[in-house]
All heavy atoms as atom14 arrays in JSON, in Angstrom:
{
  "sequence": "HQYPRIFKAARENEVEKLIKKAATQRQVKHNKRGKNRTSSTSGGGM",
  "atom14_mask": [
    [1, 1, 1, 1, 1, 1, 1, 1, 1, 1, 0, 0, 0, 0],
    [1, 1, 1, 1, 1, 1, 1, 1, 1, 0, 0, 0, 0, 0],
    [1, 1, 1, 1, 1, 1, 1, 1, 1, 1, 1, 1, 0, 0],
    [1, 1, 1, 1, 1, 1, 1, 0, 0, 0, 0, 0, 0, 0],
    [1, 1, 1, 1, 1, 1, 1, 1, 1, 1, 1, 0, 0, 0],
    [1, 1, 1, 1, 1, 1, 1, 1, 0, 0, 0, 0, 0, 0],
    [1, 1, 1, 1, 1, 1, 1, 1, 1, 1, 1, 0, 0, 0],
    [1, 1, 1, 1, 1, 1, 1, 1, 1, 0, 0, 0, 0, 0],
    [1, 1, 1, 1, 1, 0, 0, 0, 0, 0, 0, 0, 0, 0],
    [1, 1, 1, 1, 1, 0, 0, 0, 0, 0, 0, 0, 0, 0],
    [1, 1, 1, 1, 1, 1, 1, 1, 1, 1, 1, 0, 0, 0],
    [1, 1, 1, 1, 1, 1, 1, 1, 1, 0, 0, 0, 0, 0],
    [1, 1, 1, 1, 1, 1, 1, 1, 0, 0, 0, 0, 0, 0],
    [1, 1, 1, 1, 1, 1, 1, 1, 1, 0, 0, 0, 0, 0],
    [1, 1, 1, 1, 1, 1, 1, 0, 0, 0, 0, 0, 0, 0],
    [1, 1, 1, 1, 1, 1, 1, 1, 1, 0, 0, 0, 0, 0],
    [1, 1, 1, 1, 1, 1, 1, 1, 1, 0, 0, 0, 0, 0],
    [1, 1, 1, 1, 1, 1, 1, 1, 0, 0, 0, 0, 0, 0],
    [1, 1, 1, 1, 1, 1, 1, 1, 0, 0, 0, 0, 0, 0],
    [1, 1, 1, 1, 1, 1, 1, 1, 1, 0, 0, 0, 0, 0],
    [1, 1, 1, 1, 1, 1, 1, 1, 1, 0, 0, 0, 0, 0],
    [1, 1, 1, 1, 1, 0, 0, 0, 0, 0, 0, 0, 0, 0],
    [1, 1, 1, 1, 1, 0, 0, 0, 0, 0, 0, 0, 0, 0],
    [1, 1, 1, 1, 1, 1, 1, 0, 0, 0, 0, 0, 0, 0],
    [1, 1, 1, 1, 1, 1, 1, 1, 1, 0, 0, 0, 0, 0],
    [1, 1, 1, 1, 1, 1, 1, 1, 1, 1, 1, 0, 0, 0],
    [1, 1, 1, 1, 1, 1, 1, 1, 1, 0, 0, 0, 0, 0],
    [1, 1, 1, 1, 1, 1, 1, 0, 0, 0, 0, 0, 0, 0],
    [1, 1, 1, 1, 1, 1, 1, 1, 1, 0, 0, 0, 0, 0],
    [1, 1, 1, 1, 1, 1, 1, 1, 1, 1, 0, 0, 0, 0],
    [1, 1, 1, 1, 1, 1, 1, 1, 0, 0, 0, 0, 0, 0],
    [1, 1, 1, 1, 1, 1, 1, 1, 1, 0, 0, 0, 0, 0],
    [1, 1, 1, 1, 1, 1, 1, 1, 1, 1, 1, 0, 0, 0],
    [1, 1, 1, 1, 0, 0, 0, 0, 0, 0, 0, 0, 0, 0],
    [1, 1, 1, 1, 1, 1, 1, 1, 1, 0, 0, 0, 0, 0],
    [1, 1, 1, 1, 1, 1, 1, 1, 0, 0, 0, 0, 0, 0],
    [1, 1, 1, 1, 1, 1, 1, 1, 1, 1, 1, 0, 0, 0],
    [1, 1, 1, 1, 1, 1, 1, 0, 0, 0, 0, 0, 0, 0],
    [1, 1, 1, 1, 1, 1, 0, 0, 0, 0, 0, 0, 0, 0],
    [1, 1, 1, 1, 1, 1, 0, 0, 0, 0, 0, 0, 0, 0],
    [1, 1, 1, 1, 1, 1, 1, 0, 0, 0, 0, 0, 0, 0],
    [1, 1, 1, 1, 1, 1, 0, 0, 0, 0, 0, 0, 0, 0],
    [1, 1, 1, 1, 0, 0, 0, 0, 0, 0, 0, 0, 0, 0],
    [1, 1, 1, 1, 0, 0, 0, 0, 0, 0, 0, 0, 0, 0],
    [1, 1, 1, 1, 0, 0, 0, 0, 0, 0, 0, 0, 0, 0],
    [1, 1, 1, 1, 1, 1, 1, 1, 0, 0, 0, 0, 0, 0]
  ],
  "atom14_positions": [
    [[15.3, 35.04, 8.95], [16.5, 35.87, 8.99], [16.21, 37.29, 8.49], [16.82, 38.25, 8.94], [17.61, 35.24, 8.16], [17.91, 33.82, 8.54], [18.58, 33.49, 9.71], [17.62, 32.64, 7.94], [18.7, 32.18, 9.8], [18.12, 31.64, 8.75], [0.0, 0.0, 0.0], [0.0, 0.0, 0.0], [0.0, 0.0, 0.0], [0.0, 0.0, 0.0]],
    [[15.25, 37.39, 7.54], [14.9, 38.7, 7.01], [14.1, 39.52, 8.02], [14.29, 40.73, 8.15], [14.08, 38.55, 5.72], [14.89, 38.07, 4.52], [14.02, 37.98, 3.27], [13.47, 36.94, 2.96], [13.86, 39.1, 2.58], [0.0, 0.0, 0.0], [0.0, 0.0, 0.0], [0.0, 0.0, 0.0], [0.0, 0.0, 0.0], [0.0, 0.0, 0.0]],
    [[13.16, 38.86, 8.71], [12.25, 39.56, 9.6], [12.25, 38.89, 10.98], [11.27, 38.28, 11.4], [10.83, 39.56, 9.01], [10.82, 39.91, 7.55], [10.43, 38.98, 6.59], [11.23, 41.17, 7.11], [10.43, 39.3, 5.24], [11.23, 41.49, 5.76], [10.84, 40.56, 4.83], [10.85, 40.86, 3.5], [0.0, 0.0, 0.0], [0.0, 0.0, 0.0]],
    [[13.37, 38.99, 11.71], [13.49, 38.28, 13.0], [12.47, 38.74, 14.04], [12.03, 37.94, 14.85], [14.93, 38.6, 13.44], [15.3, 39.85, 12.7], [14.58, 39.77, 11.39], [0.0, 0.0, 0.0], [0.0, 0.0, 0.0], [0.0, 0.0, 0.0], [0.0, 0.0, 0.0], [0.0, 0.0, 0.0], [0.0, 0.0, 0.0], [0.0, 0.0, 0.0]],
    [[12.09, 40.01, 14.0], [11.13, 40.5, 15.01], [9.77, 39.84, 14.84], [9.11, 39.51, 15.82], [10.99, 42.02, 14.89], [12.23, 42.79, 15.29], [11.99, 44.29, 15.23], [13.17, 45.04, 15.62], [13.22, 46.37, 15.64], [12.15, 47.07, 15.3], [14.33, 46.98, 16.01], [0.0, 0.0, 0.0], [0.0, 0.0, 0.0], [0.0, 0.0, 0.0]],
    [[9.37, 39.65, 13.58], [8.08, 39.02, 13.33], [8.09, 37.59, 13.83], [7.15, 37.13, 14.48], [7.74, 39.06, 11.82], [7.61, 40.52, 11.36], [6.47, 38.29, 11.53], [7.36, 40.66, 9.88], [0.0, 0.0, 0.0], [0.0, 0.0, 0.0], [0.0, 0.0, 0.0], [0.0, 0.0, 0.0], [0.0, 0.0, 0.0], [0.0, 0.0, 0.0]],
    [[9.17, 36.86, 13.56], [9.23, 35.45, 13.95], [9.54, 35.28, 15.43], [9.22, 34.25, 16.01], [10.28, 34.72, 13.09], [9.77, 34.38, 11.73], [9.8, 35.31, 10.71], [9.24, 33.13, 11.45], [9.33, 35.01, 9.45], [8.76, 32.81, 10.21], [8.8, 33.76, 9.19], [0.0, 0.0, 0.0], [0.0, 0.0, 0.0], [0.0, 0.0, 0.0]],
    [[10.15, 36.29, 16.03], [10.4, 36.21, 17.46], [9.1, 36.31, 18.23], [8.94, 35.7, 19.3], [11.36, 37.33, 17.89], [11.78, 37.26, 19.34], [12.76, 38.38, 19.67], [13.2, 38.29, 21.12], [14.16, 39.38, 21.46], [0.0, 0.0, 0.0], [0.0, 0.0, 0.0], [0.0, 0.0, 0.0], [0.0, 0.0, 0.0], [0.0, 0.0, 0.0]],
    [[8.15, 37.06, 17.69], [6.86, 37.22, 18.35], [6.02, 35.95, 18.25], [5.15, 35.71, 19.09], [6.1, 38.4, 17.73], [0.0, 0.0, 0.0], [0.0, 0.0, 0.0], [0.0, 0.0, 0.0], [0.0, 0.0, 0.0], [0.0, 0.0, 0.0], [0.0, 0.0, 0.0], [0.0, 0.0, 0.0], [0.0, 0.0, 0.0], [0.0, 0.0, 0.0]],
    [[6.26, 35.16, 17.24], [5.5, 33.92, 17.08], [6.1, 32.83, 17.97], [7.31, 32.7, 18.09], [5.52, 33.48, 15.62], [0.0, 0.0, 0.0], [0.0, 0.0, 0.0], [0.0, 0.0, 0.0], [0.0, 0.0, 0.0], [0.0, 0.0, 0.0], [0.0, 0.0, 0.0], [0.0, 0.0, 0.0], [0.0, 0.0, 0.0], [0.0, 0.0, 0.0]],
    [[5.26, 32.04, 18.59], [5.75, 31.01, 19.51], [6.38, 29.84, 18.76], [7.32, 29.24, 19.22], [4.6, 30.5, 20.38], [4.08, 31.55, 21.35], [3.02, 30.95, 22.26], [2.57, 31.94, 23.25], [1.65, 31.68, 24.16], [1.08, 30.49, 24.23], [1.29, 32.62, 25.02], [0.0, 0.0, 0.0], [0.0, 0.0, 0.0], [0.0, 0.0, 0.0]],
    [[5.82, 29.5, 17.62], [6.42, 28.44, 16.83], [6.06, 28.64, 15.37], [5.07, 29.28, 15.04], [5.93, 27.06, 17.29], [4.43, 26.89, 17.25], [4.03, 25.52, 17.78], [4.92, 24.68, 18.01], [2.84, 25.31, 17.97], [0.0, 0.0, 0.0], [0.0, 0.0, 0.0], [0.0, 0.0, 0.0], [0.0, 0.0, 0.0], [0.0, 0.0, 0.0]],
    [[6.89, 28.11, 14.52], [6.72, 28.28, 13.08], [5.45, 27.57, 12.62], [5.08, 26.51, 13.13], [7.94, 27.68, 12.35], [8.01, 28.14, 10.93], [7.03, 28.1, 10.21], [9.2, 28.59, 10.53], [0.0, 0.0, 0.0], [0.0, 0.0, 0.0], [0.0, 0.0, 0.0], [0.0, 0.0, 0.0], [0.0, 0.0, 0.0], [0.0, 0.0, 0.0]],
    [[4.75, 28.16, 11.63], [3.55, 27.54, 11.09], [3.85, 26.17, 10.5], [3.03, 25.26, 10.57], [2.92, 28.45, 10.03], [2.29, 29.71, 10.59], [1.15, 29.41, 11.54], [0.42, 28.44, 11.29], [0.99, 30.14, 12.54], [0.0, 0.0, 0.0], [0.0, 0.0, 0.0], [0.0, 0.0, 0.0], [0.0, 0.0, 0.0], [0.0, 0.0, 0.0]],
    [[5.02, 26.02, 9.91], [5.39, 24.71, 9.35], [5.46, 23.66, 10.46], [5.0, 22.53, 10.3], [6.74, 24.8, 8.61], [7.18, 23.42, 8.12], [6.64, 25.76, 7.43], [0.0, 0.0, 0.0], [0.0, 0.0, 0.0], [0.0, 0.0, 0.0], [0.0, 0.0, 0.0], [0.0, 0.0, 0.0], [0.0, 0.0, 0.0], [0.0, 0.0, 0.0]],
    [[6.02, 24.04, 11.6], [6.11, 23.12, 12.73], [4.72, 22.72, 13.21], [4.46, 21.57, 13.56], [6.9, 23.77, 13.88], [8.35, 24.09, 13.55], [9.18, 22.83, 13.4], [8.73, 21.77, 13.88], [10.27, 22.92, 12.81], [0.0, 0.0, 0.0], [0.0, 0.0, 0.0], [0.0, 0.0, 0.0], [0.0, 0.0, 0.0], [0.0, 0.0, 0.0]],
    [[3.8, 23.69, 13.24], [2.44, 23.38, 13.65], [1.79, 22.36, 12.73], [1.13, 21.42, 13.19], [1.6, 24.67, 13.67], [1.97, 25.66, 14.76], [1.06, 26.87, 14.7], [1.42, 27.88, 15.78], [0.54, 29.07, 15.72], [0.0, 0.0, 0.0], [0.0, 0.0, 0.0], [0.0, 0.0, 0.0], [0.0, 0.0, 0.0], [0.0, 0.0, 0.0]],
    [[1.98, 22.56, 11.44], [1.38, 21.64, 10.48], [1.98, 20.24, 10.61], [1.27, 19.23, 10.52], [1.59, 22.17, 9.05], [0.83, 23.46, 8.7], [1.22, 23.94, 7.31], [-0.68, 23.23, 8.76], [0.0, 0.0, 0.0], [0.0, 0.0, 0.0], [0.0, 0.0, 0.0], [0.0, 0.0, 0.0], [0.0, 0.0, 0.0], [0.0, 0.0, 0.0]],
    [[3.29, 20.17, 10.81], [3.94, 18.87, 10.96], [3.45, 18.14, 12.21], [3.14, 16.95, 12.19], [5.47, 19.04, 11.0], [5.98, 19.49, 9.62], [6.16, 17.74, 11.43], [7.47, 19.76, 9.59], [0.0, 0.0, 0.0], [0.0, 0.0, 0.0], [0.0, 0.0, 0.0], [0.0, 0.0, 0.0], [0.0, 0.0, 0.0], [0.0, 0.0, 0.0]],
    [[3.33, 18.88, 13.34], [2.86, 18.27, 14.57], [1.41, 17.81, 14.43], [1.03, 16.74, 14.9], [2.98, 19.27, 15.72], [4.42, 19.54, 16.14], [4.46, 20.52, 17.29], [5.89, 20.79, 17.73], [5.96, 21.77, 18.83], [0.0, 0.0, 0.0], [0.0, 0.0, 0.0], [0.0, 0.0, 0.0], [0.0, 0.0, 0.0], [0.0, 0.0, 0.0]],
    [[0.6, 18.63, 13.76], [-0.81, 18.28, 13.56], [-0.93, 17.02, 12.72], [-1.7, 16.1, 13.03], [-1.55, 19.44, 12.89], [-3.03, 19.18, 12.7], [-3.71, 20.4, 12.09], [-5.2, 20.14, 11.89], [-5.88, 21.32, 11.28], [0.0, 0.0, 0.0], [0.0, 0.0, 0.0], [0.0, 0.0, 0.0], [0.0, 0.0, 0.0], [0.0, 0.0, 0.0]],
    [[-0.16, 16.96, 11.62], [-0.21, 15.78, 10.75], [0.3, 14.55, 11.48], [-0.24, 13.45, 11.34], [0.63, 16.04, 9.49], [0.0, 0.0, 0.0], [0.0, 0.0, 0.0], [0.0, 0.0, 0.0], [0.0, 0.0, 0.0], [0.0, 0.0, 0.0], [0.0, 0.0, 0.0], [0.0, 0.0, 0.0], [0.0, 0.0, 0.0], [0.0, 0.0, 0.0]],
    [[1.36, 14.71, 12.3], [1.91, 13.57, 13.05], [0.89, 13.05, 14.06], [0.73, 11.84, 14.24], [3.19, 13.99, 13.74], [0.0, 0.0, 0.0], [0.0, 0.0, 0.0], [0.0, 0.0, 0.0], [0.0, 0.0, 0.0], [0.0, 0.0, 0.0], [0.0, 0.0, 0.0], [0.0, 0.0, 0.0], [0.0, 0.0, 0.0], [0.0, 0.0, 0.0]],
    [[0.18, 13.96, 14.72], [-0.84, 13.56, 15.7], [-1.97, 12.79, 15.03], [-2.4, 11.73, 15.52], [-1.4, 14.79, 16.42], [-0.32, 15.49, 17.05], [-2.42, 14.38, 17.47], [0.0, 0.0, 0.0], [0.0, 0.0, 0.0], [0.0, 0.0, 0.0], [0.0, 0.0, 0.0], [0.0, 0.0, 0.0], [0.0, 0.0, 0.0], [0.0, 0.0, 0.0]],
    [[-2.45, 13.29, 13.9], [-3.53, 12.62, 13.18], [-3.11, 11.24, 12.71], [-3.86, 10.27, 12.82], [-3.97, 13.47, 11.99], [-4.65, 14.78, 12.39], [-4.98, 15.64, 11.2], [-4.5, 15.39, 10.09], [-5.8, 16.67, 11.41], [0.0, 0.0, 0.0], [0.0, 0.0, 0.0], [0.0, 0.0, 0.0], [0.0, 0.0, 0.0], [0.0, 0.0, 0.0]],
    [[-1.87, 11.14, 12.21], [-1.41, 9.84, 11.73], [-1.22, 8.86, 12.87], [-1.5, 7.68, 12.74], [-0.1, 10.01, 10.95], [0.4, 8.7, 10.37], [1.41, 8.92, 9.28], [0.82, 9.65, 8.16], [1.36, 9.66, 6.94], [2.45, 8.97, 6.71], [0.8, 10.35, 5.99], [0.0, 0.0, 0.0], [0.0, 0.0, 0.0], [0.0, 0.0, 0.0]],
    [[-0.75, 9.35, 14.03], [-0.54, 8.48, 15.18], [-1.88, 7.94, 15.68], [-1.98, 6.77, 16.05], [0.17, 9.25, 16.3], [0.55, 8.39, 17.49], [1.54, 7.3, 17.12], [2.43, 7.53, 16.31], [1.37, 6.12, 17.68], [0.0, 0.0, 0.0], [0.0, 0.0, 0.0], [0.0, 0.0, 0.0], [0.0, 0.0, 0.0], [0.0, 0.0, 0.0]],
    [[-2.93, 8.77, 15.67], [-4.26, 8.32, 16.08], [-4.76, 7.23, 15.14], [-5.29, 6.2, 15.58], [-5.23, 9.52, 16.11], [-6.66, 9.02, 16.29], [-4.85, 10.5, 17.21], [0.0, 0.0, 0.0], [0.0, 0.0, 0.0], [0.0, 0.0, 0.0], [0.0, 0.0, 0.0], [0.0, 0.0, 0.0], [0.0, 0.0, 0.0], [0.0, 0.0, 0.0]],
    [[-4.6, 7.44, 13.83], [-5.02, 6.44, 12.86], [-4.25, 5.14, 13.05], [-4.79, 4.04, 12.95], [-4.84, 6.96, 11.44], [-5.78, 8.1, 11.07], [-5.53, 8.56, 9.64], [-6.48, 9.7, 9.27], [-6.22, 10.18, 7.89], [0.0, 0.0, 0.0], [0.0, 0.0, 0.0], [0.0, 0.0, 0.0], [0.0, 0.0, 0.0], [0.0, 0.0, 0.0]],
    [[-2.94, 5.24, 13.33], [-2.11, 4.06, 13.53], [-2.56, 3.28, 14.77], [-2.65, 2.04, 14.75], [-0.65, 4.49, 13.69], [0.22, 3.42, 14.26], [0.44, 2.21, 13.63], [0.92, 3.37, 15.43], [1.24, 1.47, 14.39], [1.54, 2.15, 15.47], [0.0, 0.0, 0.0], [0.0, 0.0, 0.0], [0.0, 0.0, 0.0], [0.0, 0.0, 0.0]],
    [[-2.88, 4.0, 15.85], [-3.33, 3.34, 17.08], [-4.62, 2.58, 16.84], [-4.8, 1.46, 17.31], [-3.49, 4.35, 18.2], [-2.16, 4.95, 18.64], [-1.11, 4.35, 18.4], [-2.2, 6.13, 19.26], [0.0, 0.0, 0.0], [0.0, 0.0, 0.0], [0.0, 0.0, 0.0], [0.0, 0.0, 0.0], [0.0, 0.0, 0.0], [0.0, 0.0, 0.0]],
    [[-5.55, 3.17, 16.1], [-6.8, 2.51, 15.81], [-6.57, 1.28, 14.95], [-7.15, 0.21, 15.18], [-7.75, 3.47, 15.09], [-8.29, 4.59, 15.97], [-9.25, 5.47, 15.19], [-9.81, 6.58, 16.08], [-10.72, 7.47, 15.33], [0.0, 0.0, 0.0], [0.0, 0.0, 0.0], [0.0, 0.0, 0.0], [0.0, 0.0, 0.0], [0.0, 0.0, 0.0]],
    [[-5.67, 1.43, 13.95], [-5.38, 0.3, 13.07], [-4.71, -0.83, 13.83], [-4.97, -2.0, 13.62], [-4.49, 0.8, 11.92], [-4.78, 0.1, 10.61], [-4.1, 0.71, 9.4], [-2.86, 1.39, 9.65], [-2.65, 2.66, 9.37], [-3.62, 3.39, 8.88], [-1.48, 3.2, 9.58], [0.0, 0.0, 0.0], [0.0, 0.0, 0.0], [0.0, 0.0, 0.0]],
    [[-3.8, -0.45, 14.79], [-3.09, -1.46, 15.57], [-4.04, -2.25, 16.47], [-3.92, -3.46, 16.61], [0.0, 0.0, 0.0], [0.0, 0.0, 0.0], [0.0, 0.0, 0.0], [0.0, 0.0, 0.0], [0.0, 0.0, 0.0], [0.0, 0.0, 0.0], [0.0, 0.0, 0.0], [0.0, 0.0, 0.0], [0.0, 0.0, 0.0], [0.0, 0.0, 0.0]],
    [[-5.01, -1.55, 17.07], [-5.98, -2.24, 17.92], [-6.83, -3.21, 17.1], [-7.08, -4.34, 17.51], [-6.87, -1.22, 18.62], [-6.16, -0.39, 19.67], [-7.1, 0.6, 20.31], [-6.37, 1.44, 21.36], [-7.28, 2.44, 21.96], [0.0, 0.0, 0.0], [0.0, 0.0, 0.0], [0.0, 0.0, 0.0], [0.0, 0.0, 0.0], [0.0, 0.0, 0.0]],
    [[-7.26, -2.78, 15.94], [-8.08, -3.65, 15.09], [-7.3, -4.86, 14.65], [-7.81, -5.98, 14.62], [-8.59, -2.88, 13.87], [-9.56, -1.77, 14.25], [-10.17, -1.84, 15.31], [-9.65, -0.75, 13.41], [0.0, 0.0, 0.0], [0.0, 0.0, 0.0], [0.0, 0.0, 0.0], [0.0, 0.0, 0.0], [0.0, 0.0, 0.0], [0.0, 0.0, 0.0]],
    [[-6.02, -4.66, 14.28], [-5.21, -5.79, 13.8], [-4.95, -6.77, 14.93], [-4.97, -7.98, 14.74], [-3.91, -5.26, 13.21], [-3.03, -6.36, 12.62], [-1.78, -5.77, 11.98], [-2.13, -4.99, 10.8], [-2.27, -5.52, 9.6], [-2.13, -6.83, 9.43], [-2.56, -4.76, 8.57], [0.0, 0.0, 0.0], [0.0, 0.0, 0.0], [0.0, 0.0, 0.0]],
    [[-4.68, -6.24, 16.16], [-4.4, -7.13, 17.3], [-5.61, -7.98, 17.64], [-5.49, -9.17, 17.94], [-3.99, -6.28, 18.52], [-2.84, -5.49, 18.18], [-3.65, -7.17, 19.69], [0.0, 0.0, 0.0], [0.0, 0.0, 0.0], [0.0, 0.0, 0.0], [0.0, 0.0, 0.0], [0.0, 0.0, 0.0], [0.0, 0.0, 0.0], [0.0, 0.0, 0.0]],
    [[-6.77, -7.41, 17.58], [-7.97, -8.16, 17.93], [-8.32, -9.19, 16.88], [-8.97, -10.19, 17.18], [-9.14, -7.18, 18.12], [-9.38, -6.47, 16.91], [0.0, 0.0, 0.0], [0.0, 0.0, 0.0], [0.0, 0.0, 0.0], [0.0, 0.0, 0.0], [0.0, 0.0, 0.0], [0.0, 0.0, 0.0], [0.0, 0.0, 0.0], [0.0, 0.0, 0.0]],
    [[-7.88, -8.98, 15.62], [-8.27, -9.91, 14.55], [-7.26, -11.03, 14.35], [-7.54, -12.01, 13.7], [-8.45, -9.13, 13.24], [-7.21, -8.51, 12.87], [0.0, 0.0, 0.0], [0.0, 0.0, 0.0], [0.0, 0.0, 0.0], [0.0, 0.0, 0.0], [0.0, 0.0, 0.0], [0.0, 0.0, 0.0], [0.0, 0.0, 0.0], [0.0, 0.0, 0.0]],
    [[-6.01, -10.87, 14.88], [-5.0, -11.91, 14.71], [-5.07, -12.88, 15.87], [-5.24, -12.49, 17.02], [-3.59, -11.28, 14.66], [-3.4, -10.48, 15.81], [-3.44, -10.43, 13.4], [0.0, 0.0, 0.0], [0.0, 0.0, 0.0], [0.0, 0.0, 0.0], [0.0, 0.0, 0.0], [0.0, 0.0, 0.0], [0.0, 0.0, 0.0], [0.0, 0.0, 0.0]],
    [[-4.88, -14.18, 15.56], [-5.0, -15.19, 16.6], [-3.66, -15.48, 17.26], [-3.59, -15.62, 18.47], [-5.56, -16.49, 16.01], [-4.75, -16.9, 14.91], [0.0, 0.0, 0.0], [0.0, 0.0, 0.0], [0.0, 0.0, 0.0], [0.0, 0.0, 0.0], [0.0, 0.0, 0.0], [0.0, 0.0, 0.0], [0.0, 0.0, 0.0], [0.0, 0.0, 0.0]],
    [[-2.59, -15.59, 16.44], [-1.31, -15.97, 17.03], [-0.52, -14.79, 17.54], [0.38, -14.94, 18.34], [0.0, 0.0, 0.0], [0.0, 0.0, 0.0], [0.0, 0.0, 0.0], [0.0, 0.0, 0.0], [0.0, 0.0, 0.0], [0.0, 0.0, 0.0], [0.0, 0.0, 0.0], [0.0, 0.0, 0.0], [0.0, 0.0, 0.0], [0.0, 0.0, 0.0]],
    [[-0.8, -13.63, 17.05], [-0.06, -12.46, 17.5], [1.31, -12.36, 16.9], [2.13, -11.57, 17.36], [0.0, 0.0, 0.0], [0.0, 0.0, 0.0], [0.0, 0.0, 0.0], [0.0, 0.0, 0.0], [0.0, 0.0, 0.0], [0.0, 0.0, 0.0], [0.0, 0.0, 0.0], [0.0, 0.0, 0.0], [0.0, 0.0, 0.0], [0.0, 0.0, 0.0]],
    [[1.63, -13.23, 15.87], [2.97, -13.19, 15.28], [3.15, -12.06, 14.29], [4.28, -11.7, 13.97], [0.0, 0.0, 0.0], [0.0, 0.0, 0.0], [0.0, 0.0, 0.0], [0.0, 0.0, 0.0], [0.0, 0.0, 0.0], [0.0, 0.0, 0.0], [0.0, 0.0, 0.0], [0.0, 0.0, 0.0], [0.0, 0.0, 0.0], [0.0, 0.0, 0.0]],
    [[2.08, -11.5, 13.77], [2.18, -10.45, 12.77], [2.24, -9.1, 13.46], [1.51, -8.83, 14.41], [0.97, -10.48, 11.82], [0.89, -11.76, 11.01], [-0.54, -11.72, 9.93], [-0.15, -10.29, 8.92], [0.0, 0.0, 0.0], [0.0, 0.0, 0.0], [0.0, 0.0, 0.0], [0.0, 0.0, 0.0], [0.0, 0.0, 0.0], [0.0, 0.0, 0.0]]
  ]
}
């Protein structure tokens, strides 16, 4: 609100970039963990 011209020139907020980056990294780790857990469980109930 103080410097709208500066932020208008930026495509997205740095905070948003960090959040998206962290979410992507966590999703990749979750996918790897899910594959490992699926392959190690026999009944698939967990």
